All heavy atoms as atom14 arrays in JSON, in Angstrom:
{
  "sequence": "HYTMEEIQAVVDEANMVGLPVWSHAEGYEGALNSCKAGVS",
  "atom14_mask": [
    [1, 1, 1, 1, 1, 1, 1, 1, 1, 1, 0, 0, 0, 0],
    [1, 1, 1, 1, 1, 1, 1, 1, 1, 1, 1, 1, 0, 0],
    [1, 1, 1, 1, 1, 1, 1, 0, 0, 0, 0, 0, 0, 0],
    [1, 1, 1, 1, 1, 1, 1, 1, 0, 0, 0, 0, 0, 0],
    [1, 1, 1, 1, 1, 1, 1, 1, 1, 0, 0, 0, 0, 0],
    [1, 1, 1, 1, 1, 1, 1, 1, 1, 0, 0, 0, 0, 0],
    [1, 1, 1, 1, 1, 1, 1, 1, 0, 0, 0, 0, 0, 0],
    [1, 1, 1, 1, 1, 1, 1, 1, 1, 0, 0, 0, 0, 0],
    [1, 1, 1, 1, 1, 0, 0, 0, 0, 0, 0, 0, 0, 0],
    [1, 1, 1, 1, 1, 1, 1, 0, 0, 0, 0, 0, 0, 0],
    [1, 1, 1, 1, 1, 1, 1, 0, 0, 0, 0, 0, 0, 0],
    [1, 1, 1, 1, 1, 1, 1, 1, 0, 0, 0, 0, 0, 0],
    [1, 1, 1, 1, 1, 1, 1, 1, 1, 0, 0, 0, 0, 0],
    [1, 1, 1, 1, 1, 0, 0, 0, 0, 0, 0, 0, 0, 0],
    [1, 1, 1, 1, 1, 1, 1, 1, 0, 0, 0, 0, 0, 0],
    [1, 1, 1, 1, 1, 1, 1, 1, 0, 0, 0, 0, 0, 0],
    [1, 1, 1, 1, 1, 1, 1, 0, 0, 0, 0, 0, 0, 0],
    [1, 1, 1, 1, 0, 0, 0, 0, 0, 0, 0, 0, 0, 0],
    [1, 1, 1, 1, 1, 1, 1, 1, 0, 0, 0, 0, 0, 0],
    [1, 1, 1, 1, 1, 1, 1, 0, 0, 0, 0, 0, 0, 0],
    [1, 1, 1, 1, 1, 1, 1, 0, 0, 0, 0, 0, 0, 0],
    [1, 1, 1, 1, 1, 1, 1, 1, 1, 1, 1, 1, 1, 1],
    [1, 1, 1, 1, 1, 1, 0, 0, 0, 0, 0, 0, 0, 0],
    [1, 1, 1, 1, 1, 1, 1, 1, 1, 1, 0, 0, 0, 0],
    [1, 1, 1, 1, 1, 0, 0, 0, 0, 0, 0, 0, 0, 0],
    [1, 1, 1, 1, 1, 1, 1, 1, 1, 0, 0, 0, 0, 0],
    [1, 1, 1, 1, 0, 0, 0, 0, 0, 0, 0, 0, 0, 0],
    [1, 1, 1, 1, 1, 1, 1, 1, 1, 1, 1, 1, 0, 0],
    [1, 1, 1, 1, 1, 1, 1, 1, 1, 0, 0, 0, 0, 0],
    [1, 1, 1, 1, 0, 0, 0, 0, 0, 0, 0, 0, 0, 0],
    [1, 1, 1, 1, 1, 0, 0, 0, 0, 0, 0, 0, 0, 0],
    [1, 1, 1, 1, 1, 1, 1, 1, 0, 0, 0, 0, 0, 0],
    [1, 1, 1, 1, 1, 1, 1, 1, 0, 0, 0, 0, 0, 0],
    [1, 1, 1, 1, 1, 1, 0, 0, 0, 0, 0, 0, 0, 0],
    [1, 1, 1, 1, 1, 1, 0, 0, 0, 0, 0, 0, 0, 0],
    [1, 1, 1, 1, 1, 1, 1, 1, 1, 0, 0, 0, 0, 0],
    [1, 1, 1, 1, 1, 0, 0, 0, 0, 0, 0, 0, 0, 0],
    [1, 1, 1, 1, 0, 0, 0, 0, 0, 0, 0, 0, 0, 0],
    [1, 1, 1, 1, 1, 1, 1, 0, 0, 0, 0, 0, 0, 0],
    [1, 1, 1, 1, 1, 1, 0, 0, 0, 0, 0, 0, 0, 0]
  ],
  "atom14_positions": [
    [[35.22, -18.44, -4.57], [35.81, -18.65, -5.87], [36.36, -17.35, -6.41], [37.17, -17.39, -7.32], [34.77, -19.21, -6.74], [34.64, -20.73, -6.79], [34.05, -21.4, -7.71], [35.0, -21.6, -5.75], [34.08, -22.73, -7.35], [34.73, -22.82, -6.2], [0.0, 0.0, 0.0], [0.0, 0.0, 0.0], [0.0, 0.0, 0.0], [0.0, 0.0, 0.0]],
    [[35.87, -16.15, -5.96], [36.54, -14.91, -6.4], [36.92, -14.18, -5.13], [36.21, -14.17, -4.1], [35.47, -14.03, -7.1], [35.46, -14.32, -8.62], [34.26, -14.13, -9.27], [36.55, -14.62, -9.35], [34.15, -14.3, -10.71], [36.45, -14.79, -10.69], [35.36, -14.71, -11.38], [35.25, -14.88, -12.75], [0.0, 0.0, 0.0], [0.0, 0.0, 0.0]],
    [[38.07, -13.6, -5.18], [38.65, -12.72, -4.12], [37.88, -11.52, -4.0], [37.07, -11.1, -4.86], [40.0, -12.42, -4.28], [40.15, -11.59, -5.47], [40.96, -13.71, -4.59], [0.0, 0.0, 0.0], [0.0, 0.0, 0.0], [0.0, 0.0, 0.0], [0.0, 0.0, 0.0], [0.0, 0.0, 0.0], [0.0, 0.0, 0.0], [0.0, 0.0, 0.0]],
    [[37.97, -10.89, -2.82], [37.35, -9.52, -2.7], [37.78, -8.55, -3.82], [36.91, -7.81, -4.32], [37.76, -8.98, -1.28], [37.04, -7.54, -1.06], [35.33, -7.77, -0.89], [34.79, -5.97, -0.77], [0.0, 0.0, 0.0], [0.0, 0.0, 0.0], [0.0, 0.0, 0.0], [0.0, 0.0, 0.0], [0.0, 0.0, 0.0], [0.0, 0.0, 0.0]],
    [[39.02, -8.61, -4.14], [39.56, -7.78, -5.23], [38.78, -7.91, -6.51], [38.49, -7.08, -7.3], [41.05, -7.9, -5.32], [41.66, -6.83, -6.2], [43.28, -6.98, -6.35], [43.78, -8.07, -5.85], [43.89, -6.05, -6.89], [0.0, 0.0, 0.0], [0.0, 0.0, 0.0], [0.0, 0.0, 0.0], [0.0, 0.0, 0.0], [0.0, 0.0, 0.0]],
    [[38.62, -9.2, -6.84], [37.96, -9.62, -8.05], [36.55, -9.11, -8.05], [36.01, -8.57, -9.13], [38.17, -11.13, -8.3], [39.54, -11.58, -8.67], [39.71, -13.05, -8.74], [39.18, -13.75, -7.77], [40.16, -13.5, -9.7], [0.0, 0.0, 0.0], [0.0, 0.0, 0.0], [0.0, 0.0, 0.0], [0.0, 0.0, 0.0], [0.0, 0.0, 0.0]],
    [[35.81, -9.46, -7.01], [34.33, -9.03, -6.96], [34.28, -7.52, -7.01], [33.46, -6.96, -7.8], [33.74, -9.56, -5.61], [33.77, -11.12, -5.52], [32.37, -9.02, -5.4], [33.41, -11.6, -4.26], [0.0, 0.0, 0.0], [0.0, 0.0, 0.0], [0.0, 0.0, 0.0], [0.0, 0.0, 0.0], [0.0, 0.0, 0.0], [0.0, 0.0, 0.0]],
    [[35.19, -6.7, -6.3], [35.09, -5.33, -6.24], [35.35, -4.78, -7.7], [34.71, -3.85, -8.15], [36.09, -4.76, -5.38], [35.93, -3.17, -5.1], [34.65, -2.95, -4.38], [34.49, -3.4, -3.07], [33.75, -2.27, -4.96], [0.0, 0.0, 0.0], [0.0, 0.0, 0.0], [0.0, 0.0, 0.0], [0.0, 0.0, 0.0], [0.0, 0.0, 0.0]],
    [[36.21, -5.42, -8.43], [36.61, -4.89, -9.86], [35.33, -4.99, -10.66], [35.02, -4.16, -11.36], [37.78, -5.81, -10.43], [0.0, 0.0, 0.0], [0.0, 0.0, 0.0], [0.0, 0.0, 0.0], [0.0, 0.0, 0.0], [0.0, 0.0, 0.0], [0.0, 0.0, 0.0], [0.0, 0.0, 0.0], [0.0, 0.0, 0.0], [0.0, 0.0, 0.0]],
    [[34.6, -6.08, -10.58], [33.32, -6.27, -11.37], [32.33, -5.2, -11.06], [31.68, -4.59, -11.85], [32.74, -7.67, -11.16], [31.41, -7.83, -11.87], [33.69, -8.72, -11.74], [0.0, 0.0, 0.0], [0.0, 0.0, 0.0], [0.0, 0.0, 0.0], [0.0, 0.0, 0.0], [0.0, 0.0, 0.0], [0.0, 0.0, 0.0], [0.0, 0.0, 0.0]],
    [[32.08, -4.99, -9.69], [31.09, -4.0, -9.19], [31.44, -2.58, -9.65], [30.67, -1.85, -10.13], [30.94, -4.13, -7.77], [30.08, -3.04, -7.17], [30.35, -5.47, -7.23], [0.0, 0.0, 0.0], [0.0, 0.0, 0.0], [0.0, 0.0, 0.0], [0.0, 0.0, 0.0], [0.0, 0.0, 0.0], [0.0, 0.0, 0.0], [0.0, 0.0, 0.0]],
    [[32.76, -2.27, -9.49], [33.21, -0.92, -9.89], [32.95, -0.65, -11.39], [32.55, 0.37, -11.82], [34.78, -0.77, -9.63], [34.93, -0.66, -8.1], [34.07, -0.58, -7.37], [36.16, -0.75, -7.71], [0.0, 0.0, 0.0], [0.0, 0.0, 0.0], [0.0, 0.0, 0.0], [0.0, 0.0, 0.0], [0.0, 0.0, 0.0], [0.0, 0.0, 0.0]],
    [[33.31, -1.66, -12.26], [33.05, -1.51, -13.64], [31.52, -1.4, -13.98], [31.11, -0.54, -14.8], [33.64, -2.71, -14.51], [35.11, -2.78, -14.5], [35.67, -1.62, -15.4], [35.03, -1.15, -16.37], [36.82, -1.14, -15.0], [0.0, 0.0, 0.0], [0.0, 0.0, 0.0], [0.0, 0.0, 0.0], [0.0, 0.0, 0.0], [0.0, 0.0, 0.0]],
    [[30.77, -2.14, -13.34], [29.32, -2.15, -13.53], [28.73, -0.87, -13.03], [27.81, -0.14, -13.7], [28.63, -3.29, -12.9], [0.0, 0.0, 0.0], [0.0, 0.0, 0.0], [0.0, 0.0, 0.0], [0.0, 0.0, 0.0], [0.0, 0.0, 0.0], [0.0, 0.0, 0.0], [0.0, 0.0, 0.0], [0.0, 0.0, 0.0], [0.0, 0.0, 0.0]],
    [[29.2, -0.28, -11.94], [28.71, 0.88, -11.36], [29.05, 2.11, -12.29], [28.21, 3.08, -12.34], [29.38, 1.25, -10.03], [28.81, 0.47, -8.92], [27.73, -0.17, -9.02], [29.5, 0.36, -7.65], [0.0, 0.0, 0.0], [0.0, 0.0, 0.0], [0.0, 0.0, 0.0], [0.0, 0.0, 0.0], [0.0, 0.0, 0.0], [0.0, 0.0, 0.0]],
    [[30.09, 2.09, -13.08], [30.36, 3.2, -13.96], [29.47, 3.39, -15.11], [29.31, 4.41, -15.5], [31.8, 2.9, -14.57], [32.98, 3.21, -13.56], [34.57, 3.39, -14.33], [34.89, 1.71, -14.84], [0.0, 0.0, 0.0], [0.0, 0.0, 0.0], [0.0, 0.0, 0.0], [0.0, 0.0, 0.0], [0.0, 0.0, 0.0], [0.0, 0.0, 0.0]],
    [[28.63, 2.33, -15.37], [27.63, 2.44, -16.46], [26.19, 2.19, -15.84], [25.19, 2.04, -16.55], [27.91, 1.45, -17.64], [29.07, 1.9, -18.33], [28.09, 0.03, -17.14], [0.0, 0.0, 0.0], [0.0, 0.0, 0.0], [0.0, 0.0, 0.0], [0.0, 0.0, 0.0], [0.0, 0.0, 0.0], [0.0, 0.0, 0.0], [0.0, 0.0, 0.0]],
    [[26.09, 2.1, -14.57], [24.85, 1.93, -13.84], [24.22, 0.62, -13.92], [22.93, 0.55, -13.93], [0.0, 0.0, 0.0], [0.0, 0.0, 0.0], [0.0, 0.0, 0.0], [0.0, 0.0, 0.0], [0.0, 0.0, 0.0], [0.0, 0.0, 0.0], [0.0, 0.0, 0.0], [0.0, 0.0, 0.0], [0.0, 0.0, 0.0], [0.0, 0.0, 0.0]],
    [[25.0, -0.47, -14.09], [24.38, -1.76, -14.17], [24.42, -2.49, -12.85], [25.43, -2.38, -12.06], [25.18, -2.6, -15.24], [24.95, -2.25, -16.69], [25.61, -3.21, -17.51], [23.43, -2.18, -17.03], [0.0, 0.0, 0.0], [0.0, 0.0, 0.0], [0.0, 0.0, 0.0], [0.0, 0.0, 0.0], [0.0, 0.0, 0.0], [0.0, 0.0, 0.0]],
    [[23.38, -3.2, -12.45], [23.43, -4.0, -11.14], [24.24, -5.28, -11.37], [24.47, -5.77, -12.45], [21.94, -4.37, -10.99], [21.43, -4.34, -12.31], [22.06, -3.24, -13.14], [0.0, 0.0, 0.0], [0.0, 0.0, 0.0], [0.0, 0.0, 0.0], [0.0, 0.0, 0.0], [0.0, 0.0, 0.0], [0.0, 0.0, 0.0], [0.0, 0.0, 0.0]],
    [[24.81, -5.75, -10.28], [25.6, -6.98, -10.18], [24.83, -8.04, -9.44], [24.47, -7.7, -8.27], [26.99, -6.88, -9.77], [27.79, -8.13, -9.7], [27.8, -5.87, -10.63], [0.0, 0.0, 0.0], [0.0, 0.0, 0.0], [0.0, 0.0, 0.0], [0.0, 0.0, 0.0], [0.0, 0.0, 0.0], [0.0, 0.0, 0.0], [0.0, 0.0, 0.0]],
    [[24.57, -9.22, -9.91], [24.07, -10.24, -9.14], [25.08, -11.26, -8.79], [25.89, -11.73, -9.71], [22.96, -10.93, -9.98], [21.8, -10.03, -10.51], [21.48, -8.78, -10.2], [21.04, -10.3, -11.68], [20.57, -8.25, -10.9], [20.24, -9.13, -11.91], [20.91, -11.43, -12.6], [19.22, -9.04, -12.95], [19.94, -11.27, -13.63], [19.21, -10.17, -13.69]],
    [[25.17, -11.64, -7.52], [26.24, -12.54, -7.14], [25.76, -13.88, -6.67], [24.87, -13.88, -5.73], [27.0, -11.83, -6.02], [28.03, -12.83, -5.48], [0.0, 0.0, 0.0], [0.0, 0.0, 0.0], [0.0, 0.0, 0.0], [0.0, 0.0, 0.0], [0.0, 0.0, 0.0], [0.0, 0.0, 0.0], [0.0, 0.0, 0.0], [0.0, 0.0, 0.0]],
    [[26.05, -14.97, -7.3], [25.77, -16.26, -6.9], [26.77, -16.43, -5.67], [27.93, -16.51, -5.81], [26.11, -17.29, -7.92], [26.3, -18.75, -7.54], [25.4, -19.75, -7.94], [27.18, -19.35, -6.79], [25.82, -20.88, -7.47], [26.89, -20.69, -6.65], [0.0, 0.0, 0.0], [0.0, 0.0, 0.0], [0.0, 0.0, 0.0], [0.0, 0.0, 0.0]],
    [[26.09, -16.61, -4.54], [26.98, -16.68, -3.26], [26.29, -17.67, -2.3], [25.38, -17.45, -1.59], [27.02, -15.41, -2.54], [0.0, 0.0, 0.0], [0.0, 0.0, 0.0], [0.0, 0.0, 0.0], [0.0, 0.0, 0.0], [0.0, 0.0, 0.0], [0.0, 0.0, 0.0], [0.0, 0.0, 0.0], [0.0, 0.0, 0.0], [0.0, 0.0, 0.0]],
    [[26.85, -18.93, -2.29], [26.4, -19.9, -1.38], [27.1, -20.11, -0.12], [26.56, -20.73, 0.84], [26.37, -21.33, -2.18], [25.49, -21.18, -3.49], [25.04, -22.55, -3.91], [24.48, -23.27, -3.17], [25.13, -22.79, -5.14], [0.0, 0.0, 0.0], [0.0, 0.0, 0.0], [0.0, 0.0, 0.0], [0.0, 0.0, 0.0], [0.0, 0.0, 0.0]],
    [[28.32, -19.58, 0.01], [28.94, -19.56, 1.23], [28.99, -18.14, 1.85], [28.87, -17.15, 1.16], [0.0, 0.0, 0.0], [0.0, 0.0, 0.0], [0.0, 0.0, 0.0], [0.0, 0.0, 0.0], [0.0, 0.0, 0.0], [0.0, 0.0, 0.0], [0.0, 0.0, 0.0], [0.0, 0.0, 0.0], [0.0, 0.0, 0.0], [0.0, 0.0, 0.0]],
    [[29.18, -18.12, 3.13], [29.02, -16.76, 3.85], [30.14, -15.84, 3.43], [29.94, -14.54, 3.4], [29.02, -17.06, 5.37], [30.26, -17.12, 5.98], [31.03, -16.05, 6.48], [30.84, -18.36, 6.28], [32.28, -16.22, 7.16], [32.11, -18.55, 6.85], [32.88, -17.42, 7.25], [33.98, -17.66, 7.87], [0.0, 0.0, 0.0], [0.0, 0.0, 0.0]],
    [[31.35, -16.29, 3.26], [32.46, -15.39, 2.76], [32.21, -14.71, 1.47], [32.35, -13.54, 1.31], [33.81, -16.18, 2.83], [34.96, -15.2, 2.8], [36.32, -15.9, 2.93], [36.28, -17.14, 3.0], [37.31, -15.24, 2.91], [0.0, 0.0, 0.0], [0.0, 0.0, 0.0], [0.0, 0.0, 0.0], [0.0, 0.0, 0.0], [0.0, 0.0, 0.0]],
    [[31.66, -15.58, 0.5], [31.39, -14.99, -0.75], [30.24, -13.94, -0.73], [30.3, -12.89, -1.31], [0.0, 0.0, 0.0], [0.0, 0.0, 0.0], [0.0, 0.0, 0.0], [0.0, 0.0, 0.0], [0.0, 0.0, 0.0], [0.0, 0.0, 0.0], [0.0, 0.0, 0.0], [0.0, 0.0, 0.0], [0.0, 0.0, 0.0], [0.0, 0.0, 0.0]],
    [[29.21, -14.33, 0.09], [28.12, -13.39, 0.26], [28.6, -12.04, 1.02], [28.21, -10.98, 0.59], [27.04, -14.09, 1.12], [0.0, 0.0, 0.0], [0.0, 0.0, 0.0], [0.0, 0.0, 0.0], [0.0, 0.0, 0.0], [0.0, 0.0, 0.0], [0.0, 0.0, 0.0], [0.0, 0.0, 0.0], [0.0, 0.0, 0.0], [0.0, 0.0, 0.0]],
    [[29.4, -12.2, 2.03], [29.83, -11.11, 2.7], [30.76, -10.12, 1.9], [30.48, -8.87, 1.87], [30.53, -11.48, 4.01], [31.08, -10.37, 4.88], [29.97, -9.51, 5.35], [31.88, -10.94, 6.07], [0.0, 0.0, 0.0], [0.0, 0.0, 0.0], [0.0, 0.0, 0.0], [0.0, 0.0, 0.0], [0.0, 0.0, 0.0], [0.0, 0.0, 0.0]],
    [[31.58, -10.77, 1.14], [32.43, -9.9, 0.32], [31.73, -9.29, -0.82], [31.93, -8.12, -1.23], [33.55, -10.82, -0.38], [34.63, -11.17, 0.58], [34.78, -10.58, 1.67], [35.52, -12.16, 0.21], [0.0, 0.0, 0.0], [0.0, 0.0, 0.0], [0.0, 0.0, 0.0], [0.0, 0.0, 0.0], [0.0, 0.0, 0.0], [0.0, 0.0, 0.0]],
    [[30.61, -10.01, -1.31], [29.82, -9.48, -2.4], [29.03, -8.19, -1.83], [28.98, -7.17, -2.52], [28.78, -10.52, -2.93], [29.53, -11.56, -3.56], [0.0, 0.0, 0.0], [0.0, 0.0, 0.0], [0.0, 0.0, 0.0], [0.0, 0.0, 0.0], [0.0, 0.0, 0.0], [0.0, 0.0, 0.0], [0.0, 0.0, 0.0], [0.0, 0.0, 0.0]],
    [[28.55, -8.4, -0.67], [27.72, -7.25, -0.03], [28.62, -6.07, 0.24], [28.22, -4.86, 0.02], [26.98, -7.74, 1.2], [25.6, -8.88, 0.87], [0.0, 0.0, 0.0], [0.0, 0.0, 0.0], [0.0, 0.0, 0.0], [0.0, 0.0, 0.0], [0.0, 0.0, 0.0], [0.0, 0.0, 0.0], [0.0, 0.0, 0.0], [0.0, 0.0, 0.0]],
    [[29.85, -6.27, 0.71], [30.77, -5.29, 1.05], [31.1, -4.54, -0.25], [31.25, -3.27, -0.34], [31.98, -5.78, 1.71], [31.85, -6.16, 3.17], [33.14, -6.67, 3.8], [33.03, -7.0, 5.22], [34.32, -7.52, 5.81], [0.0, 0.0, 0.0], [0.0, 0.0, 0.0], [0.0, 0.0, 0.0], [0.0, 0.0, 0.0], [0.0, 0.0, 0.0]],
    [[31.29, -5.29, -1.35], [31.64, -4.67, -2.65], [30.54, -3.85, -3.23], [30.84, -2.92, -4.09], [32.1, -5.79, -3.6], [0.0, 0.0, 0.0], [0.0, 0.0, 0.0], [0.0, 0.0, 0.0], [0.0, 0.0, 0.0], [0.0, 0.0, 0.0], [0.0, 0.0, 0.0], [0.0, 0.0, 0.0], [0.0, 0.0, 0.0], [0.0, 0.0, 0.0]],
    [[29.34, -4.15, -2.87], [28.13, -3.43, -3.33], [27.33, -4.06, -4.48], [26.83, -3.31, -5.32], [0.0, 0.0, 0.0], [0.0, 0.0, 0.0], [0.0, 0.0, 0.0], [0.0, 0.0, 0.0], [0.0, 0.0, 0.0], [0.0, 0.0, 0.0], [0.0, 0.0, 0.0], [0.0, 0.0, 0.0], [0.0, 0.0, 0.0], [0.0, 0.0, 0.0]],
    [[27.24, -5.44, -4.46], [26.37, -5.98, -5.51], [24.93, -5.58, -5.16], [24.54, -5.03, -4.1], [26.49, -7.58, -5.46], [27.94, -7.98, -5.73], [25.99, -8.14, -4.17], [0.0, 0.0, 0.0], [0.0, 0.0, 0.0], [0.0, 0.0, 0.0], [0.0, 0.0, 0.0], [0.0, 0.0, 0.0], [0.0, 0.0, 0.0], [0.0, 0.0, 0.0]],
    [[24.01, -5.82, -6.1], [22.52, -5.37, -5.91], [21.73, -6.62, -5.46], [20.59, -6.33, -4.97], [21.99, -4.77, -7.17], [21.85, -5.86, -8.17], [0.0, 0.0, 0.0], [0.0, 0.0, 0.0], [0.0, 0.0, 0.0], [0.0, 0.0, 0.0], [0.0, 0.0, 0.0], [0.0, 0.0, 0.0], [0.0, 0.0, 0.0], [0.0, 0.0, 0.0]]
  ]
}
């Protein structure tokens, strides 16, 4: 539902203020992109 670019944008913004990101990820592509982007 979100592209890699969209997920990365959220993680980058959260990282700037030290907040973790939780990703609802039921498919492998969403999970993989979330992990690559650096969700917690």
